[in-house]
């Protein structure tokens, strides 16, 4: 049997909401056998019980639970790197149709390597619809890429069936375009138009493929892309299927102000309130972004035990604003964290993302609320584990959970000086860097040590990606880019009368008067 003892000057067993509720062992260790944590406690005691087992880490390290990236789209070479510069979400989405095709296996091996380098051991991967002719093969290649790195994966396919160009009737919008542009757009949309029955059949097949394997590192979730991108009937069918299969649901929600305004125009209420009317909210649901929430929305999310997956970098880069995380946390919403494939430096660095979240949600004023480092680490571990379907197995270092953990060099955080009274979680969030991570384990197996990946060469993956992306653009991509460039001004014109700013934002950072 494969077993090991993982030692740290500090072992962060579970992140709490503050220093008092976090569980930290000084000079501690974790003993795992065959990927399952059997004991957590004092290093000397565990060493005496397991003297011959492999030892990982040391007396100058931190050991903490593997991080969970709770919203990701699997692009290792990011949208920015592929030419879709950061912009308002609604223009950015359309511009993305002009990106060149990519190899799903290579991209996901690469992105998984980057995530693992920053301590991520589980990812909630949301697969955007690819051409229907190849979607089965694309999904297989995504899952193989993630599996080959050892990454634990909560997988879903994002489904869209309406409002696919703008937040309004597609046919009405198309009728206002030049005939040749409308024809080109119809052809493009048809290639990724998955029938609703086929979507649910695809989910059923994937779920069946993994549900009978208790040792599987893959769970399969349902994912209507957003409230405005599917019909109410599809949302209700999703809720029923999730209940029947005990599966999670992952959805984008009020990412931009336009999406909130769509709800007010369409239903006379916010998208969250509309989901409440459909009895769609609940503990099986996780919502990416959730930036444009009202106080009533936050209360509904808290009461229903719905999770919000916060994407700080993405929200800033795509001009969507700042989610009201302090208010959500105060009301008891389960807030998780993800990079959305648009992390701050295009590197899927969850350590850096945690620091951004910690610094972003600090309102001006002595008595104003702020998140603390313990809450932030919790958002990236135990909170983020909840919507993955692995919630009882990951997110904390406790007996009976899977041995997903990170070993970080604490000496690097201390140098040249760190006051001894500073809490290790404060030090991790404020000073930790991905380069300080020495070893990452998933299911007790070392998947990265000193920047190397057993059985895989990151240099080879990078060189292969360079080669693929250096090839000339194919004619179909060039034509799509031409279509997108012609389409852009029509999309901008559509939204000109939208986006009335709120009078009372959750956060206030400065004033014109």
Protein backbone atom coordinates (compact mmCIF):
# COMPACT_ATOMS: atom_id res chain seq x y z
CA UNK A 1 0.00 0.00 0.00
CA UNK A 2 1.25 3.53 -0.86
CA UNK A 3 1.54 5.72 2.22
CA UNK A 4 3.35 8.88 3.24
CA UNK A 5 3.77 11.37 6.04
CA UNK A 6 3.44 15.02 5.07
CA UNK A 7 5.06 17.38 7.59
CA UNK A 8 4.82 21.11 8.18
CA UNK A 9 5.87 23.72 10.68
CA UNK A 10 2.20 24.53 10.40
CA UNK A 11 -0.56 22.25 9.12
CA UNK A 12 -3.68 24.22 8.25
CA UNK A 13 -6.33 21.54 8.65
CA UNK A 14 -9.40 23.67 8.02
CA UNK A 15 -9.89 27.35 7.25
CA UNK A 16 -12.47 29.07 9.43
CA UNK A 17 -14.00 32.52 9.29
CA UNK A 18 -11.34 33.91 11.62
CA UNK A 19 -8.24 32.87 13.53
CA UNK A 20 -10.28 31.34 16.38
CA UNK A 21 -12.28 29.02 14.13
CA UNK A 22 -9.43 27.93 11.83
CA UNK A 23 -7.83 24.61 12.81
CA UNK A 24 -4.02 24.80 12.70
CA UNK A 25 -1.46 22.38 14.14
CA UNK A 26 2.06 23.62 14.93
CA UNK A 27 4.81 21.13 14.02
CA UNK A 28 2.18 18.81 12.66
CA UNK A 29 1.81 16.13 10.03
CA UNK A 30 -0.75 14.31 7.90
CA UNK A 31 -0.54 10.56 7.38
CA UNK A 32 -2.18 9.23 4.24
CA UNK A 33 -2.56 5.72 2.89
CA UNK A 34 -3.72 5.00 -0.67
CA UNK A 35 -4.94 8.57 -1.07
CA UNK A 36 -7.02 8.65 2.12
CA UNK A 37 -6.10 10.69 5.18
CA UNK A 38 -5.88 8.36 8.18
CA UNK A 39 -4.36 10.61 10.83
CA UNK A 40 -3.62 14.30 11.41
CA UNK A 41 -1.70 15.48 14.44
CA UNK A 42 1.62 16.10 16.14
CA UNK A 43 4.57 15.29 13.88
CA UNK A 44 6.62 13.40 16.47
CA UNK A 45 3.68 11.23 17.47
CA UNK A 46 2.84 10.32 13.88
CA UNK A 47 6.50 9.78 13.00
CA UNK A 48 6.85 7.31 15.86
CA UNK A 49 3.82 5.41 14.56
CA UNK A 50 5.01 5.42 10.92
CA UNK A 51 8.82 5.53 11.05
CA UNK A 52 9.46 3.89 7.69
CA UNK A 53 6.93 5.75 5.57
CA UNK A 54 8.00 8.27 2.94
CA UNK A 55 8.25 11.76 4.41
CA UNK A 56 7.28 14.85 2.40
CA UNK A 57 7.70 18.44 3.53
CA UNK A 58 9.64 19.57 6.58
CA UNK A 59 9.98 21.75 9.64
CA UNK A 60 10.07 25.00 7.61
CA UNK A 61 6.99 24.32 5.46
CA UNK A 62 3.25 25.01 5.51
CA UNK A 63 0.86 22.20 4.65
CA UNK A 64 -2.66 23.23 3.64
CA UNK A 65 -5.65 21.73 1.79
CA UNK A 66 -5.53 21.63 -2.00
CA UNK A 67 -7.21 24.70 -3.46
CA UNK A 68 -10.45 24.40 -5.44
CA UNK A 69 -10.89 26.56 -8.55
CA UNK A 70 -14.67 26.89 -8.51
CA UNK A 71 -15.17 28.34 -12.00
CA UNK A 72 -12.97 27.74 -15.03
CA UNK A 73 -13.32 27.28 -18.79
CA UNK A 74 -10.15 25.33 -19.48
CA UNK A 75 -8.16 27.68 -21.68
CA UNK A 76 -4.49 27.48 -20.73
CA UNK A 77 -3.59 29.92 -23.48
CA UNK A 78 -6.10 32.58 -22.53
CA UNK A 79 -8.59 34.53 -24.59
CA UNK A 80 -6.33 37.60 -24.29
CA UNK A 81 -3.34 35.64 -25.56
CA UNK A 82 -5.48 34.47 -28.49
CA UNK A 83 -6.33 38.04 -29.44
CA UNK A 84 -9.61 38.75 -27.65
CA UNK A 85 -8.57 41.77 -25.63
CA UNK A 86 -10.38 42.56 -22.37
CA UNK A 87 -13.59 44.48 -23.03
CA UNK A 88 -17.14 44.79 -21.75
CA UNK A 89 -18.51 41.27 -21.44
CA UNK A 90 -21.19 41.56 -24.13
CA UNK A 91 -18.71 42.78 -26.79
CA UNK A 92 -16.04 40.37 -25.57
CA UNK A 93 -18.34 37.35 -25.94
CA UNK A 94 -19.02 38.14 -29.60
CA UNK A 95 -15.37 38.97 -30.31
CA UNK A 96 -14.44 35.54 -28.97
CA UNK A 97 -16.12 33.86 -31.93
CA UNK A 98 -13.12 34.96 -33.98
CA UNK A 99 -10.56 33.00 -31.96
CA UNK A 100 -8.63 30.30 -33.75
CA UNK A 101 -9.38 26.62 -33.00
CA UNK A 102 -7.20 24.90 -30.38
CA UNK A 103 -6.25 21.42 -29.25
CA UNK A 104 -8.43 20.61 -26.23
CA UNK A 105 -6.03 18.03 -24.83
CA UNK A 106 -2.95 20.26 -24.93
CA UNK A 107 -4.81 23.29 -23.61
CA UNK A 108 -6.13 21.39 -20.60
CA UNK A 109 -2.86 19.69 -19.76
CA UNK A 110 -1.27 23.14 -19.81
CA UNK A 111 -3.94 24.89 -17.76
CA UNK A 112 -3.98 22.04 -15.23
CA UNK A 113 -0.21 22.33 -14.85
CA UNK A 114 -0.53 26.06 -14.18
CA UNK A 115 -3.29 25.48 -11.64
CA UNK A 116 -1.34 22.74 -9.87
CA UNK A 117 1.73 24.99 -9.70
CA UNK A 118 -0.35 27.42 -7.62
CA UNK A 119 -1.79 24.73 -5.37
CA UNK A 120 -5.07 23.92 -7.13
CA UNK A 121 -6.06 20.26 -6.88
CA UNK A 122 -9.73 20.43 -7.97
CA UNK A 123 -11.28 22.43 -10.79
CA UNK A 124 -14.91 23.11 -11.67
CA UNK A 125 -14.53 22.99 -15.44
CA UNK A 126 -17.36 24.55 -17.47
CA UNK A 127 -17.08 23.55 -21.14
CA UNK A 128 -18.38 26.16 -23.56
CA UNK A 129 -20.31 24.65 -26.46
CA UNK A 130 -17.99 23.61 -29.28
CA UNK A 131 -19.16 22.55 -32.79
CA UNK A 132 -21.77 19.84 -32.47
CA UNK A 133 -19.97 17.61 -34.95
CA UNK A 134 -16.99 17.27 -32.60
CA UNK A 135 -18.37 17.92 -29.11
CA UNK A 136 -18.10 14.30 -27.97
CA UNK A 137 -14.47 14.09 -29.01
CA UNK A 138 -13.75 17.54 -27.55
CA UNK A 139 -15.13 16.50 -24.16
CA UNK A 140 -13.07 13.31 -24.17
CA UNK A 141 -9.90 15.27 -24.91
CA UNK A 142 -10.66 17.82 -22.15
CA UNK A 143 -11.17 15.07 -19.58
CA UNK A 144 -8.07 13.18 -20.72
CA UNK A 145 -5.94 16.31 -20.42
CA UNK A 146 -7.13 16.98 -16.88
CA UNK A 147 -6.85 13.30 -15.92
CA UNK A 148 -3.28 12.97 -17.18
CA UNK A 149 -2.16 15.65 -14.71
CA UNK A 150 -4.13 14.06 -11.86
CA UNK A 151 -6.51 17.02 -11.52
CA UNK A 152 -9.79 16.30 -9.72
CA UNK A 153 -12.60 17.67 -11.90
CA UNK A 154 -16.23 18.73 -11.51
CA UNK A 155 -17.18 18.82 -15.19
CA UNK A 156 -20.13 20.47 -16.91
CA UNK A 157 -21.13 21.53 -20.42
CA UNK A 158 -22.50 25.07 -20.62
CA UNK A 159 -25.77 25.04 -22.58
CA UNK A 160 -27.21 28.01 -24.50
CA UNK A 161 -30.37 27.96 -26.61
CA UNK A 162 -31.59 31.58 -26.91
CA UNK A 163 -30.39 35.22 -26.85
CA UNK A 164 -27.12 33.97 -28.27
CA UNK A 165 -26.00 37.18 -30.00
CA UNK A 166 -27.54 39.87 -27.78
CA UNK A 167 -29.94 39.83 -24.83
CA UNK A 168 -32.98 39.84 -27.07
CA UNK A 169 -34.70 37.75 -29.72
CA UNK A 170 -32.05 36.40 -32.08
CA UNK A 171 -34.25 36.46 -35.18
CA UNK A 172 -35.33 40.05 -34.59
CA UNK A 173 -31.73 41.12 -34.20
CA UNK A 174 -30.62 39.19 -37.29
CA UNK A 175 -33.37 40.80 -39.36
CA UNK A 176 -31.73 44.19 -38.81
CA UNK A 177 -28.35 43.10 -40.23
CA UNK A 178 -27.19 43.19 -43.85
CA UNK A 179 -28.38 39.98 -45.52
CA UNK A 180 -24.93 38.49 -46.11
CA UNK A 181 -23.81 39.20 -42.53
CA UNK A 182 -27.01 37.66 -41.15
CA UNK A 183 -26.48 34.55 -43.31
CA UNK A 184 -22.90 34.16 -42.07
CA UNK A 185 -24.04 34.52 -38.47
CA UNK A 186 -26.86 32.00 -38.91
CA UNK A 187 -24.38 29.50 -40.31
CA UNK A 188 -22.00 29.99 -37.39
CA UNK A 189 -24.76 29.68 -34.77
CA UNK A 190 -26.15 26.55 -36.42
CA UNK A 191 -22.80 24.79 -36.01
CA UNK A 192 -22.97 25.13 -32.21
CA UNK A 193 -26.75 24.79 -31.78
CA UNK A 194 -27.15 21.72 -29.60
CA UNK A 195 -30.80 20.60 -29.37
CA UNK A 196 -32.14 20.58 -25.82
CA UNK A 197 -32.85 16.83 -25.82
CA UNK A 198 -29.32 16.16 -27.06
CA UNK A 199 -27.87 18.27 -24.26
CA UNK A 200 -29.65 16.25 -21.59
CA UNK A 201 -28.70 12.99 -23.33
CA UNK A 202 -25.07 14.12 -23.31
CA UNK A 203 -25.28 14.83 -19.58
CA UNK A 204 -26.90 11.45 -18.92
CA UNK A 205 -24.19 9.59 -20.83
CA UNK A 206 -21.36 11.44 -19.08
CA UNK A 207 -22.93 11.05 -15.66
CA UNK A 208 -23.43 7.30 -16.22
CA UNK A 209 -19.79 7.02 -17.29
CA UNK A 210 -18.46 8.19 -13.92
CA UNK A 211 -21.19 7.66 -11.31
CA UNK A 212 -20.53 3.94 -10.76
CA UNK A 213 -16.82 4.42 -10.04
CA UNK A 214 -16.40 5.34 -6.34
CA UNK A 215 -12.72 6.14 -6.96
CA UNK A 216 -13.39 8.47 -9.88
CA UNK A 217 -11.82 11.91 -9.84
CA UNK A 218 -14.60 13.23 -12.09
CA UNK A 219 -18.09 14.38 -11.14
CA UNK A 220 -20.56 15.57 -13.78
CA UNK A 221 -22.76 18.63 -13.24
CA UNK A 222 -25.56 20.22 -15.25
CA UNK A 223 -25.03 23.73 -16.57
CA UNK A 224 -27.65 25.93 -18.18
CA UNK A 225 -25.34 28.78 -19.17
CA UNK A 226 -27.39 31.61 -17.64
CA UNK A 227 -30.99 32.49 -16.87
CA UNK A 228 -31.40 34.48 -20.09
CA UNK A 229 -29.64 31.90 -22.30
CA UNK A 230 -32.14 29.08 -21.68
CA UNK A 231 -35.91 28.83 -21.38
CA UNK A 232 -37.77 28.43 -18.11
CA UNK A 233 -38.73 24.94 -19.28
CA UNK A 234 -35.04 24.02 -19.59
CA UNK A 235 -34.33 25.38 -16.12
CA UNK A 236 -37.14 23.28 -14.66
CA UNK A 237 -35.97 20.21 -16.56
CA UNK A 238 -32.44 20.83 -15.25
CA UNK A 239 -33.68 21.00 -11.65
CA UNK A 240 -35.57 17.72 -12.10
CA UNK A 241 -32.58 15.94 -13.66
CA UNK A 242 -30.28 17.19 -10.90
CA UNK A 243 -32.61 15.81 -8.25
CA UNK A 244 -32.97 12.47 -10.01
CA UNK A 245 -29.20 12.02 -10.34
CA UNK A 246 -28.14 13.81 -7.13
CA UNK A 247 -26.03 16.07 -9.37
CA UNK A 248 -24.91 19.66 -8.93
CA UNK A 249 -25.97 22.56 -11.15
CA UNK A 250 -23.57 25.31 -12.25
CA UNK A 251 -24.81 28.52 -13.88
CA UNK A 252 -23.54 32.01 -14.69
CA UNK A 253 -25.64 34.66 -12.97
CA UNK A 254 -25.91 38.48 -13.19
CA UNK A 255 -22.31 38.75 -14.31
CA UNK A 256 -22.97 42.15 -15.89
CA UNK A 257 -25.38 45.02 -15.29
CA UNK A 258 -27.00 44.25 -18.66
CA UNK A 259 -27.96 40.80 -17.39
CA UNK A 260 -29.65 42.30 -14.36
CA UNK A 261 -31.44 44.78 -16.61
CA UNK A 262 -32.58 41.92 -18.87
CA UNK A 263 -34.38 40.43 -15.87
CA UNK A 264 -36.09 43.69 -15.02
CA UNK A 265 -37.18 44.16 -18.65
CA UNK A 266 -38.33 40.56 -19.12
CA UNK A 267 -39.87 39.50 -15.80
CA UNK A 268 -40.18 42.77 -13.92
CA UNK A 269 -37.78 41.41 -11.29
CA UNK A 270 -34.16 40.39 -10.89
CA UNK A 271 -32.85 37.12 -12.37
CA UNK A 272 -32.33 35.80 -8.83
CA UNK A 273 -35.95 36.54 -7.94
CA UNK A 274 -37.04 34.81 -11.15
CA UNK A 275 -35.02 31.71 -10.20
CA UNK A 276 -36.73 31.79 -6.81
CA UNK A 277 -40.13 31.83 -8.54
CA UNK A 278 -39.05 28.71 -10.49
CA UNK A 279 -37.92 27.00 -7.24
CA UNK A 280 -34.50 26.71 -8.88
CA UNK A 281 -32.31 28.00 -6.05
CA UNK A 282 -30.89 25.48 -3.60
CA UNK A 283 -27.80 23.81 -2.10
CA UNK A 284 -27.10 21.90 -5.32
CA UNK A 285 -26.79 25.18 -7.26
CA UNK A 286 -23.61 27.22 -7.72
CA UNK A 287 -23.64 30.59 -9.48
CA UNK A 288 -20.57 32.06 -11.16
CA UNK A 289 -19.95 35.82 -10.77
CA UNK A 290 -23.17 37.11 -9.10
CA UNK A 291 -21.93 40.70 -9.30
CA UNK A 292 -25.18 42.65 -9.76
CA UNK A 293 -27.16 41.48 -6.72
CA UNK A 294 -29.70 43.40 -4.69
CA UNK A 295 -30.03 43.04 -0.92
CA UNK A 296 -33.09 40.87 -1.50
CA UNK A 297 -31.14 38.71 -3.94
CA UNK A 298 -28.43 38.11 -1.35
CA UNK A 299 -31.02 37.11 1.21
CA UNK A 300 -32.59 34.63 -1.23
CA UNK A 301 -29.18 33.08 -1.96
CA UNK A 302 -28.42 32.76 1.74
CA UNK A 303 -31.80 31.27 2.67
CA UNK A 304 -31.65 28.72 -0.16
CA UNK A 305 -28.02 27.72 0.64
CA UNK A 306 -27.00 28.52 -2.93
CA UNK A 307 -23.25 28.91 -3.57
CA UNK A 308 -21.72 31.94 -5.30
CA UNK A 309 -18.44 31.36 -7.19
CA UNK A 310 -16.57 34.67 -7.01
CA UNK A 311 -14.26 35.59 -9.93
CA UNK A 312 -12.52 38.79 -8.90
CA UNK A 313 -9.96 39.05 -11.73
CA UNK A 314 -12.45 38.21 -14.46
CA UNK A 315 -15.04 40.65 -13.12
CA UNK A 316 -12.48 43.46 -13.20
CA UNK A 317 -10.99 42.57 -16.58
CA UNK A 318 -14.37 42.35 -18.34
CA UNK A 319 -15.72 45.58 -16.79
CA UNK A 320 -18.41 43.84 -14.77
CA UNK A 321 -17.61 45.44 -11.43
CA UNK A 322 -17.02 44.09 -7.93
CA UNK A 323 -19.29 41.46 -6.41
CA UNK A 324 -20.66 42.33 -2.94
CA UNK A 325 -18.63 39.64 -1.19
CA UNK A 326 -18.52 41.30 2.23
CA UNK A 327 -22.32 41.52 2.31
CA UNK A 328 -22.73 37.96 1.05
CA UNK A 329 -20.32 36.66 3.68
CA UNK A 330 -22.08 38.64 6.41
CA UNK A 331 -25.45 37.19 5.39
CA UNK A 332 -24.12 33.60 5.36
CA UNK A 333 -23.93 32.96 1.61
CA UNK A 334 -21.47 30.18 0.78
CA UNK A 335 -18.91 32.14 -1.27
CA UNK A 336 -16.38 30.13 -3.30
CA UNK A 337 -13.62 31.36 -5.62
CA UNK A 338 -12.42 30.73 -9.17
CA UNK A 339 -10.25 32.25 -11.90
CA UNK A 340 -12.67 31.91 -14.86
CA UNK A 341 -9.60 31.35 -17.12
CA UNK A 342 -8.99 35.11 -16.92
CA UNK A 343 -6.83 35.38 -13.83
CA UNK A 344 -4.84 38.52 -13.17
CA UNK A 345 -1.77 37.50 -15.15
CA UNK A 346 -3.25 34.87 -17.50
CA UNK A 347 -1.70 32.19 -15.31
CA UNK A 348 -4.54 30.54 -13.32
CA UNK A 349 -2.69 31.47 -10.14
CA UNK A 350 -5.06 30.81 -7.23
CA UNK A 351 -2.56 32.07 -4.66
CA UNK A 352 -2.53 35.43 -6.42
CA UNK A 353 -6.32 35.33 -6.81
CA UNK A 354 -6.72 34.83 -3.07
CA UNK A 355 -4.55 37.89 -2.39
CA UNK A 356 -6.60 39.98 -4.83
CA UNK A 357 -9.85 38.93 -3.12
CA UNK A 358 -8.34 39.73 0.27
CA UNK A 359 -7.32 43.24 -0.81
CA UNK A 360 -10.31 44.05 -3.03
CA UNK A 361 -13.04 43.64 -0.43
CA UNK A 362 -11.81 46.23 2.08
CA UNK A 363 -14.15 49.21 2.16
CA UNK A 364 -12.83 52.66 3.18
CA UNK A 365 -13.46 53.65 6.78
CA UNK A 366 -12.58 52.36 10.23
CA UNK A 367 -15.95 50.74 10.82
CA UNK A 368 -16.55 49.45 7.28
CA UNK A 369 -16.51 45.68 6.68
CA UNK A 370 -13.64 43.73 5.16
CA UNK A 371 -12.96 40.09 4.50
CA UNK A 372 -10.05 38.54 6.38
CA UNK A 373 -7.41 36.04 5.17
CA UNK A 374 -9.09 33.11 6.94
CA UNK A 375 -12.35 33.75 5.09
CA UNK A 376 -10.42 34.03 1.82
CA UNK A 377 -8.65 30.69 2.30
CA UNK A 378 -12.00 29.18 3.24
CA UNK A 379 -13.49 30.48 -0.03
CA UNK A 380 -10.77 28.61 -1.93
CA UNK A 381 -11.03 25.36 0.07
CA UNK A 382 -14.00 24.14 2.11
CA UNK A 383 -16.50 26.62 0.63
CA UNK A 384 -15.38 25.87 -2.92
CA UNK A 385 -15.55 22.13 -2.29
CA UNK A 386 -19.28 22.24 -1.61
CA UNK A 387 -20.60 22.63 -5.19
CA UNK A 388 -18.19 20.08 -6.72
CA UNK A 389 -20.00 16.92 -5.52
CA UNK A 390 -16.74 16.05 -3.69
CA UNK A 391 -17.70 18.22 -0.71
CA UNK A 392 -17.27 15.47 1.90
CA UNK A 393 -13.91 14.36 0.50
CA UNK A 394 -11.87 17.52 -0.10
CA UNK A 395 -11.38 21.07 1.17
CA UNK A 396 -9.89 20.17 4.58
CA UNK A 397 -7.15 17.95 5.99
CA UNK A 398 -9.16 15.62 8.21
CA UNK A 399 -9.40 11.90 8.81
CA UNK A 400 -11.46 10.22 6.08
CA UNK A 401 -10.95 12.93 3.44
CA UNK A 402 -8.87 12.52 0.30
CA UNK A 403 -5.20 13.41 0.58
CA UNK A 404 -5.26 16.53 -1.61
CA UNK A 405 -2.75 18.97 -0.14
CA UNK A 406 -0.06 21.54 -0.79
CA UNK A 407 3.40 21.95 0.73
CA UNK A 408 4.69 25.54 0.67
CA UNK A 409 8.07 26.89 1.77
CA UNK A 410 7.33 28.95 4.88
CA UNK A 411 10.92 30.14 5.15
CA UNK A 412 10.39 32.12 1.94
CA UNK A 413 7.39 33.90 3.46
CA UNK A 414 9.37 34.72 6.60
CA UNK A 415 12.43 36.18 4.90
CA UNK A 416 14.07 38.48 5.72
CA UNK A 417 11.77 38.93 8.72
CA UNK A 418 8.24 38.11 9.85
CA UNK A 419 6.90 38.91 13.31
CA UNK A 420 6.48 35.53 15.07
CA UNK A 421 2.98 36.42 16.32
CA UNK A 422 1.56 36.76 12.79
CA UNK A 423 -0.92 33.98 12.05
CA UNK A 424 0.24 31.54 9.38
CA UNK A 425 -2.97 32.04 7.34
CA UNK A 426 -2.37 35.81 7.33
CA UNK A 427 1.17 35.15 6.11
CA UNK A 428 0.00 32.70 3.44
CA UNK A 429 -2.57 35.09 1.95
CA UNK A 430 -0.49 38.26 2.22
CA UNK A 431 2.94 36.93 1.29
CA UNK A 432 2.58 33.50 -0.36
CA UNK A 433 3.44 33.09 -4.03
CA UNK A 434 3.03 30.18 -6.40
CA UNK A 435 6.82 29.95 -6.69
CA UNK A 436 6.94 29.10 -2.95
CA UNK A 437 4.97 25.88 -3.52
CA UNK A 438 7.26 22.87 -3.34
CA UNK A 439 4.95 19.88 -3.63
CA UNK A 440 1.32 19.21 -4.55
CA UNK A 441 -0.47 15.93 -3.85
CA UNK A 442 -3.80 14.69 -5.21
CA UNK A 443 -5.15 11.46 -3.73
CA UNK A 444 -1.84 11.10 -1.91
CA UNK A 445 0.11 11.01 -5.15
CA UNK A 446 2.72 13.67 -5.87
CA UNK A 447 1.56 15.46 -9.03
CA UNK A 448 4.15 18.26 -8.82
CA UNK A 449 7.44 18.53 -6.99
CA UNK A 450 9.93 21.38 -7.38
CA UNK A 451 8.24 22.48 -10.59
CA UNK A 452 8.34 19.03 -12.22
CA UNK A 453 5.35 16.86 -13.13
CA UNK A 454 5.94 13.08 -12.89
CA UNK A 455 5.50 11.52 -16.32
CA UNK A 456 4.87 14.87 -18.04
CA UNK A 457 7.10 17.59 -19.43
CA UNK A 458 5.73 21.11 -19.21
CA UNK A 459 8.44 22.29 -21.62
CA UNK A 460 7.22 19.80 -24.22
CA UNK A 461 3.61 20.93 -23.77
CA UNK A 462 4.60 24.59 -24.10
CA UNK A 463 6.68 23.91 -27.21
CA UNK A 464 3.84 21.97 -28.81
CA UNK A 465 1.42 24.82 -28.08
CA UNK A 466 3.87 27.32 -29.55
CA UNK A 467 4.07 25.23 -32.69
CA UNK A 468 0.29 24.90 -33.01
CA UNK A 469 -0.34 28.61 -32.50
CA UNK A 470 2.44 29.67 -34.86
CA UNK A 471 0.68 28.09 -37.83
CA UNK A 472 -1.17 30.41 -40.25
CA UNK A 473 -4.83 31.06 -39.60
CA UNK A 474 -7.18 28.85 -41.61
CA UNK A 475 -9.64 30.41 -44.03
CA UNK A 476 -12.69 29.62 -41.87
CA UNK A 477 -11.20 31.52 -38.91
CA UNK A 478 -10.30 34.49 -41.10
CA UNK A 479 -13.86 34.62 -42.40
CA UNK A 480 -15.26 34.39 -38.86
CA UNK A 481 -13.06 37.27 -37.76
CA UNK A 482 -14.35 39.33 -40.63
CA UNK A 483 -17.91 38.51 -39.60
CA UNK A 484 -17.19 39.47 -35.97
CA UNK A 485 -15.62 42.80 -36.95
CA UNK A 486 -18.65 43.70 -39.06
CA UNK A 487 -21.02 42.58 -36.32
CA UNK A 488 -19.44 44.61 -33.48
CA UNK A 489 -21.06 48.02 -34.21
CA UNK A 490 -24.52 46.45 -34.43
CA UNK A 491 -24.05 44.82 -31.01
CA UNK A 492 -22.88 48.13 -29.52
CA UNK A 493 -25.91 49.92 -30.98
CA UNK A 494 -28.25 47.33 -29.47
CA UNK A 495 -27.13 48.16 -25.91
CA UNK A 496 -27.01 51.94 -26.26
CA UNK A 497 -30.26 52.47 -24.37
CA UNK A 498 -29.37 49.92 -21.65
CA UNK A 499 -27.21 50.00 -18.55
CA UNK A 500 -28.79 52.57 -16.25
CA UNK A 501 -26.39 52.80 -13.29
CA UNK A 502 -27.59 51.94 -9.81
CA UNK A 503 -28.06 54.81 -7.40
CA UNK A 504 -26.89 52.88 -4.33
CA UNK A 505 -23.93 50.53 -4.96
CA UNK A 506 -22.90 47.99 -2.32
CA UNK A 507 -19.36 49.39 -2.24
CA UNK A 508 -18.26 53.02 -2.21
CA UNK A 509 -14.62 53.85 -2.90
CA UNK A 510 -14.70 57.56 -3.77
CA UNK A 511 -17.03 60.43 -4.59
CA UNK A 512 -17.39 63.02 -7.34
CA UNK A 513 -18.69 65.59 -4.85
